[in-house]
Amino acid sequence: MSPAEPIQPAAPPLSLVSFNDLEDKLFGAPGTPERTKYEDRITLGLLPKSIREYRLRHHLTQDELGQRLGVQKS
């Protein structure tokens, strides 16, 4: 007969952390340079989608929006 395998202890329970607390831990508290850089990157990532949604909501083509903004294709 082979000896019985030892019983493994149960894993400790997971602790839940709010998203805001996780952001604070990873990127610093609001107002710190690291947090501002993170928030700026998030904003820049969302900007193209926001422009597209605005353009579609107002039934504008990219060229029409560009004319209204005073910019042209290069």
Protein backbone atom coordinates (compact mmCIF):
# COMPACT_ATOMS: atom_id res chain seq x y z
CA MET A 1 0.00 0.00 0.00
CA SER A 2 1.14 3.54 -0.74
CA PRO A 3 0.95 6.16 1.96
CA ALA A 4 -1.95 8.59 1.74
CA GLU A 5 -1.16 11.94 0.20
CA PRO A 6 -1.07 14.84 2.65
CA ILE A 7 -4.10 17.10 2.75
CA GLN A 8 -3.40 20.48 1.17
CA PRO A 9 -4.47 23.54 3.18
CA ALA A 10 -7.28 25.60 1.68
CA ALA A 11 -6.27 28.70 -0.25
CA PRO A 12 -6.88 31.97 1.59
CA PRO A 13 -10.05 33.78 0.51
CA LEU A 14 -9.65 36.47 -2.12
CA SER A 15 -10.11 40.04 -1.00
CA LEU A 16 -12.17 42.37 -3.15
CA VAL A 17 -10.81 45.79 -4.07
CA SER A 18 -12.76 48.63 -5.66
CA PHE A 19 -11.66 49.87 -9.07
CA ASN A 20 -10.91 53.33 -7.63
CA ASP A 21 -8.67 51.84 -4.93
CA LEU A 22 -6.88 49.78 -7.57
CA GLU A 23 -6.32 52.88 -9.72
CA ASP A 24 -4.94 54.71 -6.68
CA LYS A 25 -2.56 51.86 -5.93
CA LEU A 26 -1.34 51.44 -9.51
CA PHE A 27 -1.29 55.06 -10.72
CA GLY A 28 -1.19 57.19 -7.58
CA ALA A 29 -3.79 59.37 -5.90
CA PRO A 30 -5.81 61.85 -7.97
CA GLY A 31 -3.79 65.00 -8.65
CA THR A 32 -0.38 63.31 -8.62
CA PRO A 33 1.72 63.53 -11.80
CA GLU A 34 1.51 59.77 -12.37
CA ARG A 35 -2.29 59.78 -12.04
CA THR A 36 -2.65 62.81 -14.31
CA LYS A 37 -0.54 61.09 -16.99
CA TYR A 38 -2.73 57.96 -16.71
CA GLU A 39 -5.97 59.96 -16.93
CA ASP A 40 -4.66 61.93 -19.91
CA ARG A 41 -3.86 58.68 -21.74
CA ILE A 42 -7.38 57.40 -21.04
CA THR A 43 -8.91 60.63 -22.35
CA LEU A 44 -6.78 60.57 -25.51
CA GLY A 45 -7.81 56.98 -26.10
CA LEU A 46 -11.50 57.90 -25.96
CA LEU A 47 -11.29 61.05 -28.08
CA PRO A 48 -11.52 59.42 -31.54
CA LYS A 49 -14.63 57.49 -30.52
CA SER A 50 -16.25 60.64 -29.12
CA ILE A 51 -15.56 62.57 -32.33
CA ARG A 52 -17.00 59.76 -34.45
CA GLU A 53 -20.14 59.52 -32.30
CA TYR A 54 -20.65 63.29 -32.54
CA ARG A 55 -20.16 63.22 -36.31
CA LEU A 56 -22.63 60.36 -36.81
CA ARG A 57 -25.19 61.86 -34.41
CA HIS A 58 -25.15 65.07 -36.49
CA HIS A 59 -25.15 63.18 -39.82
CA LEU A 60 -21.82 64.63 -40.93
CA THR A 61 -19.19 63.04 -43.12
CA GLN A 62 -15.55 63.37 -42.10
CA ASP A 63 -15.08 65.99 -44.83
CA GLU A 64 -18.08 68.01 -43.61
CA LEU A 65 -16.84 67.97 -40.02
CA GLY A 66 -13.39 68.98 -41.22
CA GLN A 67 -14.85 71.94 -43.14
CA ARG A 68 -16.78 73.07 -40.05
CA LEU A 69 -13.60 72.87 -37.98
CA GLY A 70 -11.53 74.62 -40.63
CA VAL A 71 -9.18 71.73 -41.32
CA GLN A 72 -8.38 69.89 -44.55
CA LYS A 73 -6.90 66.55 -45.52
CA SER A 74 -3.15 66.74 -45.90
